Amino acid sequence: MSVPTALNASSQLRLIREVARGGMATVYEAEQVGTAGFTKRMAVKIIHDRFGRHAEWRQLFIDEAKLSANLVHGNIVQIYQLGESDGTYFIAMEFIKGLTLRTLINTHRARRVPLPPDIAAYCASRVCRALDFAHHFVGDDGNHLDIVHRDVSPGNVMLTWDGHVKLGDFGIAKARTMADPAAKRPLLLGKKHYMSPEQLMGRGVDTRTDIFAMGVVLFELFALRSLFTEDETLAAIDEVVLGPSPDVALRLPDADAEIQQMIAQAISKDPDARPNAAALGRTLDAWCAGRGTPGSPERLQAHLADLFPESYRPPTRSTEEISAISDSGGRGGR
């Protein structure tokens, strides 16, 4: 894959290779170069030209960096820098050596082997920890920012080879103090299959919309298939908003009754009936502990090593040098 030269002109940041391409930006493995031979591996996210030229989308990209930079938490991908080179905006971030939760789910589905329940619950509970931190984050002025991720999905959750879970891509996250393009006109931001009814209808959303998405992800971890499947917007609205709530016990008959109940509460059409992120995370951890199989980084690390023996790479550097974007999908190399 070709690597642009816009940032290579800088003596401080050298692009190495493209690792992921999304609708709004492309992510590269990169190296920060300093004095006396200092180097640091990181990921660099560069906004596509067609979006960078438009102030509204460019502001979303800038807001992602400004919002995420202060979300310093072990379960959130760390943002290092927002930069601009010859009119091109980029975000430098943590480089995750690992794969996405989407790849883990797809691999198990392809092999027709269920995810171990403790692994599924552990991954979900750590995303809940990330959401709880973001939802309750307080700004420098002492006021709550009321951050809503709005795009919680398996593709935005990274798993490091050493067993840590990190939520990334706050590209369409919204804080109370930020302008919201979706508030000005009908504009669906996020992935339809994980959107809450209020998000699909373009109504105001709060932290409870992330819980709905988390419930959908939790279902997928145990079922290895999507809870909602309609791609066309009107059909998705019919499925999620107008249709009856999915019968989780019927859709997931082999799952433990407590897991069924957690999912059903999280995907309630009534936002007030959904638990908060901390409560859902604690319930998942308690469920694992009650089974005698508490989740842990070591447990996830061993599972990834067993599932991806050819591409598994044990950590050889500090966790601060791992990438946020590497979705090798077991092919070596988000």
C-alpha atoms as a PDB file:
ATOM      1  CA  MET A   1       0.000   0.000   0.000  1.00  0.00           C
ATOM      2  CA  SER A   2       1.248   3.458  -0.820  1.00  0.00           C
ATOM      3  CA  VAL A   3       2.201   5.829   1.961  1.00  0.00           C
ATOM      4  CA  PRO A   4       1.611   9.567   1.464  1.00  0.00           C
ATOM      5  CA  THR A   5       4.560  11.912   1.714  1.00  0.00           C
ATOM      6  CA  ALA A   6       2.739  14.782   3.440  1.00  0.00           C
ATOM      7  CA  LEU A   7       3.906  13.798   6.897  1.00  0.00           C
ATOM      8  CA  ASN A   8       7.133  12.138   5.841  1.00  0.00           C
ATOM      9  CA  ALA A   9       8.480  15.598   5.169  1.00  0.00           C
ATOM     10  CA  SER A  10       8.529  16.094   8.914  1.00  0.00           C
ATOM     11  CA  SER A  11      11.709  15.003  10.657  1.00  0.00           C
ATOM     12  CA  GLN A  12       9.673  14.089  13.743  1.00  0.00           C
ATOM     13  CA  LEU A  13       7.052  11.732  12.315  1.00  0.00           C
ATOM     14  CA  ARG A  14       7.736   9.045   9.721  1.00  0.00           C
ATOM     15  CA  LEU A  15       4.946   6.983   8.170  1.00  0.00           C
ATOM     16  CA  ILE A  16       5.767   3.331   7.645  1.00  0.00           C
ATOM     17  CA  ARG A  17       2.744   1.518   6.214  1.00  0.00           C
ATOM     18  CA  GLU A  18      -1.032   1.694   5.911  1.00  0.00           C
ATOM     19  CA  VAL A  19      -2.788  -0.566   8.400  1.00  0.00           C
ATOM     20  CA  ALA A  20      -6.470   0.397   8.175  1.00  0.00           C
ATOM     21  CA  ARG A  21      -8.733   2.474   5.936  1.00  0.00           C
ATOM     22  CA  GLY A  22     -12.111   3.751   7.089  1.00  0.00           C
ATOM     23  CA  GLY A  23     -14.807   5.960   5.659  1.00  0.00           C
ATOM     24  CA  MET A  24     -13.405   9.165   7.094  1.00  0.00           C
ATOM     25  CA  ALA A  25      -9.695   8.495   7.630  1.00  0.00           C
ATOM     26  CA  THR A  26      -6.778   6.159   7.010  1.00  0.00           C
ATOM     27  CA  VAL A  27      -4.488   4.868   9.741  1.00  0.00           C
ATOM     28  CA  TYR A  28      -0.766   4.251   9.341  1.00  0.00           C
ATOM     29  CA  GLU A  29       1.874   2.648  11.441  1.00  0.00           C
ATOM     30  CA  ALA A  30       4.378   5.402  12.118  1.00  0.00           C
ATOM     31  CA  GLU A  31       7.502   6.244  14.021  1.00  0.00           C
ATOM     32  CA  GLN A  32       8.206   9.366  16.002  1.00  0.00           C
ATOM     33  CA  VAL A  33      11.847  10.348  15.716  1.00  0.00           C
ATOM     34  CA  GLY A  34      13.623  12.471  18.302  1.00  0.00           C
ATOM     35  CA  THR A  35      17.100  13.494  19.327  1.00  0.00           C
ATOM     36  CA  ALA A  36      19.911  11.077  20.163  1.00  0.00           C
ATOM     37  CA  GLY A  37      18.311   8.253  18.211  1.00  0.00           C
ATOM     38  CA  PHE A  38      15.027   8.347  20.156  1.00  0.00           C
ATOM     39  CA  THR A  39      12.140   6.583  18.387  1.00  0.00           C
ATOM     40  CA  LYS A  40       8.606   5.684  19.414  1.00  0.00           C
ATOM     41  CA  ARG A  41       6.167   3.532  17.464  1.00  0.00           C
ATOM     42  CA  MET A  42       2.660   4.930  17.171  1.00  0.00           C
ATOM     43  CA  ALA A  43      -0.357   4.998  14.902  1.00  0.00           C
ATOM     44  CA  VAL A  44      -1.264   8.044  12.812  1.00  0.00           C
ATOM     45  CA  LYS A  45      -4.808   8.672  11.643  1.00  0.00           C
ATOM     46  CA  ILE A  46      -5.070  11.000   8.620  1.00  0.00           C
ATOM     47  CA  ILE A  47      -8.387  12.473   7.549  1.00  0.00           C
ATOM     48  CA  HIS A  48      -9.309  11.878   3.911  1.00  0.00           C
ATOM     49  CA  ASP A  49      -8.974  14.940   1.685  1.00  0.00           C
ATOM     50  CA  ARG A  50     -12.655  14.955   0.722  1.00  0.00           C
ATOM     51  CA  PHE A  51     -13.608  15.331   4.404  1.00  0.00           C
ATOM     52  CA  GLY A  52     -10.710  17.557   5.381  1.00  0.00           C
ATOM     53  CA  ARG A  53     -11.876  20.153   2.872  1.00  0.00           C
ATOM     54  CA  HIS A  54     -15.242  20.534   4.639  1.00  0.00           C
ATOM     55  CA  ALA A  55     -15.239  22.509   7.864  1.00  0.00           C
ATOM     56  CA  GLU A  56     -17.974  20.413   9.497  1.00  0.00           C
ATOM     57  CA  TRP A  57     -16.216  17.072   9.071  1.00  0.00           C
ATOM     58  CA  ARG A  58     -12.824  18.569   9.768  1.00  0.00           C
ATOM     59  CA  GLN A  59     -14.204  19.840  13.068  1.00  0.00           C
ATOM     60  CA  LEU A  60     -15.445  16.335  13.953  1.00  0.00           C
ATOM     61  CA  PHE A  61     -11.922  15.049  13.395  1.00  0.00           C
ATOM     62  CA  ILE A  62     -10.418  17.828  15.514  1.00  0.00           C
ATOM     63  CA  ASP A  63     -13.010  17.278  18.238  1.00  0.00           C
ATOM     64  CA  GLU A  64     -12.120  13.574  18.349  1.00  0.00           C
ATOM     65  CA  ALA A  65      -8.521  14.411  19.196  1.00  0.00           C
ATOM     66  CA  LYS A  66      -9.350  17.168  21.678  1.00  0.00           C
ATOM     67  CA  LEU A  67     -11.979  15.051  23.412  1.00  0.00           C
ATOM     68  CA  SER A  68      -9.986  11.814  23.547  1.00  0.00           C
ATOM     69  CA  ALA A  69      -6.625  13.312  24.499  1.00  0.00           C
ATOM     70  CA  ASN A  70      -7.630  13.727  28.131  1.00  0.00           C
ATOM     71  CA  LEU A  71      -9.398  10.368  28.430  1.00  0.00           C
ATOM     72  CA  VAL A  72      -6.412   8.668  30.021  1.00  0.00           C
ATOM     73  CA  HIS A  73      -7.634   5.224  31.063  1.00  0.00           C
ATOM     74  CA  GLY A  74      -6.300   1.708  30.735  1.00  0.00           C
ATOM     75  CA  ASN A  75      -9.280   0.622  28.633  1.00  0.00           C
ATOM     76  CA  ILE A  76      -9.241   3.580  26.221  1.00  0.00           C
ATOM     77  CA  VAL A  77      -6.889   4.017  23.273  1.00  0.00           C
ATOM     78  CA  GLN A  78      -4.563   6.888  24.146  1.00  0.00           C
ATOM     79  CA  ILE A  79      -4.334   9.972  21.923  1.00  0.00           C
ATOM     80  CA  TYR A  80      -0.931  11.683  21.814  1.00  0.00           C
ATOM     81  CA  GLN A  81      -1.188  14.565  19.378  1.00  0.00           C
ATOM     82  CA  LEU A  82      -3.354  16.484  16.930  1.00  0.00           C
ATOM     83  CA  GLY A  83      -1.280  17.871  14.101  1.00  0.00           C
ATOM     84  CA  GLU A  84      -1.466  19.524  10.714  1.00  0.00           C
ATOM     85  CA  SER A  85       0.960  19.265   7.818  1.00  0.00           C
ATOM     86  CA  ASP A  86       0.424  21.246   4.617  1.00  0.00           C
ATOM     87  CA  GLY A  87      -3.294  21.456   5.319  1.00  0.00           C
ATOM     88  CA  THR A  88      -3.637  17.751   6.183  1.00  0.00           C
ATOM     89  CA  TYR A  89      -4.901  16.993   9.682  1.00  0.00           C
ATOM     90  CA  PHE A  90      -3.706  13.943  11.561  1.00  0.00           C
ATOM     91  CA  ILE A  91      -4.002  12.328  14.981  1.00  0.00           C
ATOM     92  CA  ALA A  92      -1.084  10.459  16.544  1.00  0.00           C
ATOM     93  CA  MET A  93      -2.152   7.720  18.928  1.00  0.00           C
ATOM     94  CA  GLU A  94      -1.254   4.556  20.774  1.00  0.00           C
ATOM     95  CA  PHE A  95      -0.171   1.731  18.478  1.00  0.00           C
ATOM     96  CA  ILE A  96      -1.999  -1.475  19.401  1.00  0.00           C
ATOM     97  CA  LYS A  97      -0.321  -4.776  18.714  1.00  0.00           C
ATOM     98  CA  GLY A  98      -3.313  -7.023  18.483  1.00  0.00           C
ATOM     99  CA  LEU A  99      -6.664  -7.290  16.758  1.00  0.00           C
ATOM    100  CA  THR A 100     -10.217  -6.026  17.009  1.00  0.00           C
ATOM    101  CA  LEU A 101     -13.054  -7.648  18.882  1.00  0.00           C
ATOM    102  CA  ARG A 102     -14.711  -7.933  15.457  1.00  0.00           C
ATOM    103  CA  THR A 103     -11.889 -10.206  14.284  1.00  0.00           C
ATOM    104  CA  LEU A 104     -12.203 -12.370  17.402  1.00  0.00           C
ATOM    105  CA  ILE A 105     -15.959 -12.786  16.904  1.00  0.00           C
ATOM    106  CA  ASN A 106     -15.597 -13.487  13.183  1.00  0.00           C
ATOM    107  CA  THR A 107     -12.884 -16.080  13.791  1.00  0.00           C
ATOM    108  CA  HIS A 108     -14.996 -17.966  16.302  1.00  0.00           C
ATOM    109  CA  ARG A 109     -17.992 -17.797  13.994  1.00  0.00           C
ATOM    110  CA  ALA A 110     -15.987 -19.108  11.046  1.00  0.00           C
ATOM    111  CA  ARG A 111     -14.743 -22.014  13.156  1.00  0.00           C
ATOM    112  CA  ARG A 112     -18.192 -22.574  14.679  1.00  0.00           C
ATOM    113  CA  VAL A 113     -16.679 -22.518  18.143  1.00  0.00           C
ATOM    114  CA  PRO A 114     -18.402 -20.392  20.824  1.00  0.00           C
ATOM    115  CA  LEU A 115     -16.401 -17.766  22.653  1.00  0.00           C
ATOM    116  CA  PRO A 116     -15.628 -18.951  26.190  1.00  0.00           C
ATOM    117  CA  PRO A 117     -18.232 -17.205  28.372  1.00  0.00           C
ATOM    118  CA  ASP A 118     -15.614 -15.740  30.713  1.00  0.00           C
ATOM    119  CA  ILE A 119     -13.718 -14.247  27.762  1.00  0.00           C
ATOM    120  CA  ALA A 120     -16.909 -12.737  26.340  1.00  0.00           C
ATOM    121  CA  ALA A 121     -17.955 -11.282  29.685  1.00  0.00           C
ATOM    122  CA  TYR A 122     -14.445 -10.004  30.442  1.00  0.00           C
ATOM    123  CA  CYS A 123     -14.181  -8.131  27.123  1.00  0.00           C
ATOM    124  CA  ALA A 124     -17.617  -6.564  27.621  1.00  0.00           C
ATOM    125  CA  SER A 125     -16.936  -5.564  31.223  1.00  0.00           C
ATOM    126  CA  ARG A 126     -13.726  -3.753  30.231  1.00  0.00           C
ATOM    127  CA  VAL A 127     -15.539  -1.793  27.536  1.00  0.00           C
ATOM    128  CA  CYS A 128     -18.049  -0.874  30.233  1.00  0.00           C
ATOM    129  CA  ARG A 129     -15.180   0.448  32.356  1.00  0.00           C
ATOM    130  CA  ALA A 130     -14.046   2.620  29.448  1.00  0.00           C
ATOM    131  CA  LEU A 131     -17.564   3.940  28.909  1.00  0.00           C
ATOM    132  CA  ASP A 132     -18.070   4.634  32.602  1.00  0.00           C
ATOM    133  CA  PHE A 133     -14.877   6.700  32.646  1.00  0.00           C
ATOM    134  CA  ALA A 134     -15.894   8.669  29.557  1.00  0.00           C
ATOM    135  CA  HIS A 135     -19.484   9.136  30.706  1.00  0.00           C
ATOM    136  CA  HIS A 136     -18.366  10.669  34.006  1.00  0.00           C
ATOM    137  CA  PHE A 137     -15.320  12.576  32.796  1.00  0.00           C
ATOM    138  CA  VAL A 138     -14.904  16.015  34.347  1.00  0.00           C
ATOM    139  CA  GLY A 139     -13.255  18.859  32.441  1.00  0.00           C
ATOM    140  CA  ASP A 140     -10.641  21.273  33.698  1.00  0.00           C
ATOM    141  CA  ASP A 141     -13.399  23.651  34.769  1.00  0.00           C
ATOM    142  CA  GLY A 142     -14.840  21.023  37.098  1.00  0.00           C
ATOM    143  CA  ASN A 143     -17.944  20.413  34.988  1.00  0.00           C
ATOM    144  CA  HIS A 144     -19.053  17.035  33.669  1.00  0.00           C
ATOM    145  CA  LEU A 145     -18.667  16.800  29.882  1.00  0.00           C
ATOM    146  CA  ASP A 146     -21.393  14.165  29.461  1.00  0.00           C
ATOM    147  CA  ILE A 147     -19.410  12.339  26.763  1.00  0.00           C
ATOM    148  CA  VAL A 148     -21.359   9.893  24.594  1.00  0.00           C
ATOM    149  CA  HIS A 149     -19.314   7.610  22.328  1.00  0.00           C
ATOM    150  CA  ARG A 150     -22.185   6.918  19.856  1.00  0.00           C
ATOM    151  CA  ASP A 151     -20.225   4.270  17.934  1.00  0.00           C
ATOM    152  CA  VAL A 152     -19.678   1.347  20.321  1.00  0.00           C
ATOM    153  CA  SER A 153     -19.201  -1.743  18.162  1.00  0.00           C
ATOM    154  CA  PRO A 154     -16.821  -4.725  17.931  1.00  0.00           C
ATOM    155  CA  GLY A 155     -14.744  -2.991  15.269  1.00  0.00           C
ATOM    156  CA  ASN A 156     -13.929  -0.149  17.647  1.00  0.00           C
ATOM    157  CA  VAL A 157     -12.734  -2.388  20.467  1.00  0.00           C
ATOM    158  CA  MET A 158      -9.077  -3.437  20.388  1.00  0.00           C
ATOM    159  CA  LEU A 159      -7.590  -6.509  22.064  1.00  0.00           C
ATOM    160  CA  THR A 160      -3.858  -6.419  22.713  1.00  0.00           C
ATOM    161  CA  TRP A 161      -1.801  -9.557  22.433  1.00  0.00           C
ATOM    162  CA  ASP A 162      -1.105  -9.339  26.157  1.00  0.00           C
ATOM    163  CA  GLY A 163      -4.791  -9.479  26.999  1.00  0.00           C
ATOM    164  CA  HIS A 164      -5.955  -5.898  27.473  1.00  0.00           C
ATOM    165  CA  VAL A 165      -9.174  -4.437  26.076  1.00  0.00           C
ATOM    166  CA  LYS A 166      -9.291  -0.868  24.731  1.00  0.00           C
ATOM    167  CA  LEU A 167     -12.151   1.179  23.350  1.00  0.00           C
ATOM    168  CA  GLY A 168     -11.128   3.475  20.521  1.00  0.00           C
ATOM    169  CA  ASP A 169     -12.473   5.662  17.728  1.00  0.00           C
ATOM    170  CA  PHE A 170     -14.194   8.548  19.467  1.00  0.00           C
ATOM    171  CA  GLY A 171     -14.600  10.075  16.013  1.00  0.00           C
ATOM    172  CA  ILE A 172     -18.317  10.802  16.434  1.00  0.00           C
ATOM    173  CA  ALA A 173     -18.342  11.044  20.209  1.00  0.00           C
ATOM    174  CA  LYS A 174     -20.196  14.021  21.591  1.00  0.00           C
ATOM    175  CA  ALA A 175     -19.662  16.080  24.695  1.00  0.00           C
ATOM    176  CA  ARG A 176     -22.267  18.490  26.047  1.00  0.00           C
ATOM    177  CA  THR A 177     -20.007  21.419  25.139  1.00  0.00           C
ATOM    178  CA  MET A 178     -19.452  20.358  21.506  1.00  0.00           C
ATOM    179  CA  ALA A 179     -21.342  21.219  18.354  1.00  0.00           C
ATOM    180  CA  ASP A 180     -23.154  18.225  16.880  1.00  0.00           C
ATOM    181  CA  PRO A 181     -23.637  17.975  13.086  1.00  0.00           C
ATOM    182  CA  ALA A 182     -26.475  15.485  13.622  1.00  0.00           C
ATOM    183  CA  ALA A 183     -28.435  18.107  15.541  1.00  0.00           C
ATOM    184  CA  LYS A 184     -28.683  20.420  12.524  1.00  0.00           C
ATOM    185  CA  ARG A 185     -30.256  18.030  10.032  1.00  0.00           C
ATOM    186  CA  PRO A 186     -31.102  14.328   9.675  1.00  0.00           C
ATOM    187  CA  LEU A 187     -27.682  12.672   9.816  1.00  0.00           C
ATOM    188  CA  LEU A 188     -27.020   9.196  11.128  1.00  0.00           C
ATOM    189  CA  LEU A 189     -23.621   9.003  12.767  1.00  0.00           C
ATOM    190  CA  GLY A 190     -22.591   5.486  13.756  1.00  0.00           C
ATOM    191  CA  LYS A 191     -23.343   1.933  12.693  1.00  0.00           C
ATOM    192  CA  LYS A 192     -27.036   1.153  12.252  1.00  0.00           C
ATOM    193  CA  HIS A 193     -26.873  -2.337  13.773  1.00  0.00           C
ATOM    194  CA  TYR A 194     -25.717  -0.910  17.122  1.00  0.00           C
ATOM    195  CA  MET A 195     -27.819   2.244  17.299  1.00  0.00           C
ATOM    196  CA  SER A 196     -30.397   2.788  19.997  1.00  0.00           C
ATOM    197  CA  PRO A 197     -33.975   3.635  18.978  1.00  0.00           C
ATOM    198  CA  GLU A 198     -33.440   7.279  19.953  1.00  0.00           C
ATOM    199  CA  GLN A 199     -30.226   7.468  17.915  1.00  0.00           C
ATOM    200  CA  LEU A 200     -31.850   5.940  14.847  1.00  0.00           C
ATOM    201  CA  MET A 201     -34.688   8.459  15.105  1.00  0.00           C
ATOM    202  CA  GLY A 202     -32.233  11.353  15.253  1.00  0.00           C
ATOM    203  CA  ARG A 203     -33.314  12.407  18.715  1.00  0.00           C
ATOM    204  CA  GLY A 204     -31.052  13.736  21.410  1.00  0.00           C
ATOM    205  CA  VAL A 205     -28.872  11.007  22.871  1.00  0.00           C
ATOM    206  CA  ASP A 206     -27.099  10.614  26.174  1.00  0.00           C
ATOM    207  CA  THR A 207     -24.907   7.986  27.823  1.00  0.00           C
ATOM    208  CA  ARG A 208     -27.780   5.496  27.779  1.00  0.00           C
ATOM    209  CA  THR A 209     -27.473   5.130  23.999  1.00  0.00           C
ATOM    210  CA  ASP A 210     -23.983   3.637  24.534  1.00  0.00           C
ATOM    211  CA  ILE A 211     -25.515   1.066  26.907  1.00  0.00           C
ATOM    212  CA  PHE A 212     -27.937  -0.035  24.200  1.00  0.00           C
ATOM    213  CA  ALA A 213     -25.000  -0.545  21.830  1.00  0.00           C
ATOM    214  CA  MET A 214     -23.146  -2.409  24.574  1.00  0.00           C
ATOM    215  CA  GLY A 215     -26.115  -4.756  24.951  1.00  0.00           C
ATOM    216  CA  VAL A 216     -26.020  -5.479  21.223  1.00  0.00           C
ATOM    217  CA  VAL A 217     -22.272  -6.178  21.436  1.00  0.00           C
ATOM    218  CA  LEU A 218     -22.808  -8.467  24.430  1.00  0.00           C
ATOM    219  CA  PHE A 219     -25.422 -10.435  22.490  1.00  0.00           C
ATOM    220  CA  GLU A 220     -22.999 -10.805  19.587  1.00  0.00           C
ATOM    221  CA  LEU A 221     -20.221 -12.031  21.879  1.00  0.00           C
ATOM    222  CA  PHE A 222     -22.409 -14.892  23.067  1.00  0.00           C
ATOM    223  CA  ALA A 223     -24.384 -15.557  19.870  1.00  0.00           C
ATOM    224  CA  LEU A 224     -21.591 -14.920  17.307  1.00  0.00           C
ATOM    225  CA  ARG A 225     -24.208 -13.271  15.091  1.00  0.00           C
ATOM    226  CA  SER A 226     -25.801  -9.844  14.840  1.00  0.00           C
ATOM    227  CA  LEU A 227     -28.879  -9.019  16.872  1.00  0.00           C
ATOM    228  CA  PHE A 228     -30.119  -6.540  14.262  1.00  0.00           C
ATOM    229  CA  THR A 229     -29.486  -7.071  10.568  1.00  0.00           C
ATOM    230  CA  GLU A 230     -31.341  -4.504   8.444  1.00  0.00           C
ATOM    231  CA  ASP A 231     -28.997  -2.262   6.448  1.00  0.00           C
ATOM    232  CA  GLU A 232     -31.448   0.143   4.814  1.00  0.00           C
ATOM    233  CA  THR A 233     -32.288   3.006   7.147  1.00  0.00           C
ATOM    234  CA  LEU A 234     -36.084   2.730   7.059  1.00  0.00           C
ATOM    235  CA  ALA A 235     -35.916  -1.038   7.515  1.00  0.00           C
ATOM    236  CA  ALA A 236     -33.530  -0.572  10.434  1.00  0.00           C
ATOM    237  CA  ILE A 237     -35.973   1.856  12.029  1.00  0.00           C
ATOM    238  CA  ASP A 238     -38.768  -0.686  11.607  1.00  0.00           C
ATOM    239  CA  GLU A 239     -36.598  -3.390  13.163  1.00  0.00           C
ATOM    240  CA  VAL A 240     -35.244  -1.454  16.134  1.00  0.00           C
ATOM    241  CA  VAL A 241     -37.772   1.291  16.799  1.00  0.00           C
ATOM    242  CA  LEU A 242     -41.161   0.023  15.656  1.00  0.00           C
ATOM    243  CA  GLY A 243     -40.812  -3.734  15.973  1.00  0.00           C
ATOM    244  CA  PRO A 244     -41.086  -5.630  19.251  1.00  0.00           C
ATOM    245  CA  SER A 245     -37.976  -5.883  21.402  1.00  0.00           C
ATOM    246  CA  PRO A 246     -36.009  -9.055  20.620  1.00  0.00           C
ATOM    247  CA  ASP A 247     -36.798 -12.010  22.858  1.00  0.00           C
ATOM    248  CA  VAL A 248     -33.271 -12.622  24.110  1.00  0.00           C
ATOM    249  CA  ALA A 249     -34.119 -15.957  25.741  1.00  0.00           C
ATOM    250  CA  LEU A 250     -35.529 -17.173  22.406  1.00  0.00           C
ATOM    251  CA  ARG A 251     -32.645 -15.772  20.351  1.00  0.00           C
ATOM    252  CA  LEU A 252     -29.976 -17.001  22.767  1.00  0.00           C
ATOM    253  CA  PRO A 253     -31.440 -20.134  24.390  1.00  0.00           C
ATOM    254  CA  ASP A 254     -28.123 -21.677  25.436  1.00  0.00           C
ATOM    255  CA  ALA A 255     -26.930 -18.639  27.352  1.00  0.00           C
ATOM    256  CA  ASP A 256     -27.128 -18.355  31.125  1.00  0.00           C
ATOM    257  CA  ALA A 257     -30.354 -16.705  32.315  1.00  0.00           C
ATOM    258  CA  GLU A 258     -28.389 -13.886  33.972  1.00  0.00           C
ATOM    259  CA  ILE A 259     -26.655 -13.066  30.704  1.00  0.00           C
ATOM    260  CA  GLN A 260     -29.996 -13.084  28.918  1.00  0.00           C
ATOM    261  CA  GLN A 261     -31.354 -10.657  31.498  1.00  0.00           C
ATOM    262  CA  MET A 262     -28.336  -8.336  31.227  1.00  0.00           C
ATOM    263  CA  ILE A 263     -28.739  -8.125  27.466  1.00  0.00           C
ATOM    264  CA  ALA A 264     -32.504  -7.614  27.662  1.00  0.00           C
ATOM    265  CA  GLN A 265     -32.115  -4.742  30.125  1.00  0.00           C
ATOM    266  CA  ALA A 266     -29.348  -3.078  28.122  1.00  0.00           C
ATOM    267  CA  ILE A 267     -31.362  -3.122  24.874  1.00  0.00           C
ATOM    268  CA  SER A 268     -34.578  -1.904  26.440  1.00  0.00           C
ATOM    269  CA  LYS A 269     -36.397   0.637  24.278  1.00  0.00           C
ATOM    270  CA  ASP A 270     -36.906   2.681  27.410  1.00  0.00           C
ATOM    271  CA  PRO A 271     -33.573   4.398  28.154  1.00  0.00           C
ATOM    272  CA  ASP A 272     -34.514   4.662  31.842  1.00  0.00           C
ATOM    273  CA  ALA A 273     -34.673   0.879  32.087  1.00  0.00           C
ATOM    274  CA  ARG A 274     -31.074   0.426  30.982  1.00  0.00           C
ATOM    275  CA  PRO A 275     -28.308   0.088  33.592  1.00  0.00           C
ATOM    276  CA  ASN A 276     -25.399   2.495  33.586  1.00  0.00           C
ATOM    277  CA  ALA A 277     -22.004   1.356  32.332  1.00  0.00           C
ATOM    278  CA  ALA A 278     -20.527   0.812  35.801  1.00  0.00           C
ATOM    279  CA  ALA A 279     -23.472  -1.306  36.928  1.00  0.00           C
ATOM    280  CA  LEU A 280     -23.380  -3.457  33.798  1.00  0.00           C
ATOM    281  CA  GLY A 281     -19.632  -3.967  34.137  1.00  0.00           C
ATOM    282  CA  ARG A 282     -19.919  -4.939  37.804  1.00  0.00           C
ATOM    283  CA  THR A 283     -22.719  -7.381  37.036  1.00  0.00           C
ATOM    284  CA  LEU A 284     -20.613  -9.050  34.335  1.00  0.00           C
ATOM    285  CA  ASP A 285     -17.621  -9.351  36.679  1.00  0.00           C
ATOM    286  CA  ALA A 286     -19.802 -10.734  39.468  1.00  0.00           C
ATOM    287  CA  TRP A 287     -21.305 -13.255  37.079  1.00  0.00           C
ATOM    288  CA  CYS A 288     -17.842 -14.517  36.113  1.00  0.00           C
ATOM    289  CA  ALA A 289     -16.714 -14.642  39.733  1.00  0.00           C
ATOM    290  CA  GLY A 290     -19.836 -16.575  40.684  1.00  0.00           C
ATOM    291  CA  ARG A 291     -18.968 -19.189  38.074  1.00  0.00           C
ATOM    292  CA  GLY A 292     -15.427 -19.434  39.403  1.00  0.00           C
ATOM    293  CA  THR A 293     -14.031 -18.155  36.102  1.00  0.00           C
ATOM    294  CA  PRO A 294     -13.109 -14.492  36.620  1.00  0.00           C
ATOM    295  CA  GLY A 295     -11.794 -12.838  33.479  1.00  0.00           C
ATOM    296  CA  SER A 296      -8.268 -11.488  33.371  1.00  0.00           C
ATOM    297  CA  PRO A 297      -5.647 -10.210  30.916  1.00  0.00           C
ATOM    298  CA  GLU A 298      -3.770 -13.493  31.369  1.00  0.00           C
ATOM    299  CA  ARG A 299      -6.861 -15.497  30.419  1.00  0.00           C
ATOM    300  CA  LEU A 300      -7.482 -13.402  27.301  1.00  0.00           C
ATOM    301  CA  GLN A 301      -3.796 -13.477  26.381  1.00  0.00           C
ATOM    302  CA  ALA A 302      -3.725 -17.276  26.545  1.00  0.00           C
ATOM    303  CA  HIS A 303      -6.882 -17.490  24.454  1.00  0.00           C
ATOM    304  CA  LEU A 304      -5.484 -15.223  21.734  1.00  0.00           C
ATOM    305  CA  ALA A 305      -2.216 -17.152  21.683  1.00  0.00           C
ATOM    306  CA  ASP A 306      -4.148 -20.393  21.214  1.00  0.00           C
ATOM    307  CA  LEU A 307      -6.528 -18.994  18.586  1.00  0.00           C
ATOM    308  CA  PHE A 308      -3.931 -17.139  16.505  1.00  0.00           C
ATOM    309  CA  PRO A 309      -0.713 -19.156  16.919  1.00  0.00           C
ATOM    310  CA  GLU A 310       0.825 -17.919  13.656  1.00  0.00           C
ATOM    311  CA  SER A 311       0.324 -14.213  14.270  1.00  0.00           C
ATOM    312  CA  TYR A 312       0.356 -14.022  18.061  1.00  0.00           C
ATOM    313  CA  ARG A 313       3.194 -11.820  19.228  1.00  0.00           C
ATOM    314  CA  PRO A 314       3.896 -11.617  22.956  1.00  0.00           C
ATOM    315  CA  PRO A 315       4.686  -8.081  24.125  1.00  0.00           C
ATOM    316  CA  THR A 316       8.292  -7.073  23.601  1.00  0.00           C
ATOM    317  CA  ARG A 317       7.853  -3.379  24.370  1.00  0.00           C
ATOM    318  CA  SER A 318       5.970  -1.377  26.950  1.00  0.00           C
ATOM    319  CA  THR A 319       2.206  -1.156  26.580  1.00  0.00           C
ATOM    320  CA  GLU A 320       2.594   2.525  25.669  1.00  0.00           C
ATOM    321  CA  GLU A 321       4.155   1.510  22.376  1.00  0.00           C
ATOM    322  CA  ILE A 322       1.241  -0.585  21.150  1.00  0.00           C
ATOM    323  CA  SER A 323      -1.032   0.571  18.297  1.00  0.00           C
ATOM    324  CA  ALA A 324      -4.576   1.699  18.337  1.00  0.00           C
ATOM    325  CA  ILE A 325      -5.505   0.759  14.905  1.00  0.00           C
ATOM    326  CA  SER A 326      -3.971  -2.567  13.957  1.00  0.00           C
ATOM    327  CA  ASP A 327      -6.674  -4.994  12.895  1.00  0.00           C
ATOM    328  CA  SER A 328      -4.495  -7.738  11.527  1.00  0.00           C
ATOM    329  CA  GLY A 329      -7.276 -10.239  11.972  1.00  0.00           C
ATOM    330  CA  GLY A 330      -4.697 -12.897  12.665  1.00  0.00           C
ATOM    331  CA  ARG A 331      -2.647 -11.985   9.626  1.00  0.00           C
ATOM    332  CA  GLY A 332       0.242 -10.492  11.519  1.00  0.00           C
ATOM    333  CA  GLY A 333       0.250  -7.297  11.709  1.00  0.00           C
ATOM    334  CA  ARG A 334      -5.201  -2.601  13.274  1.00  0.00           C
END
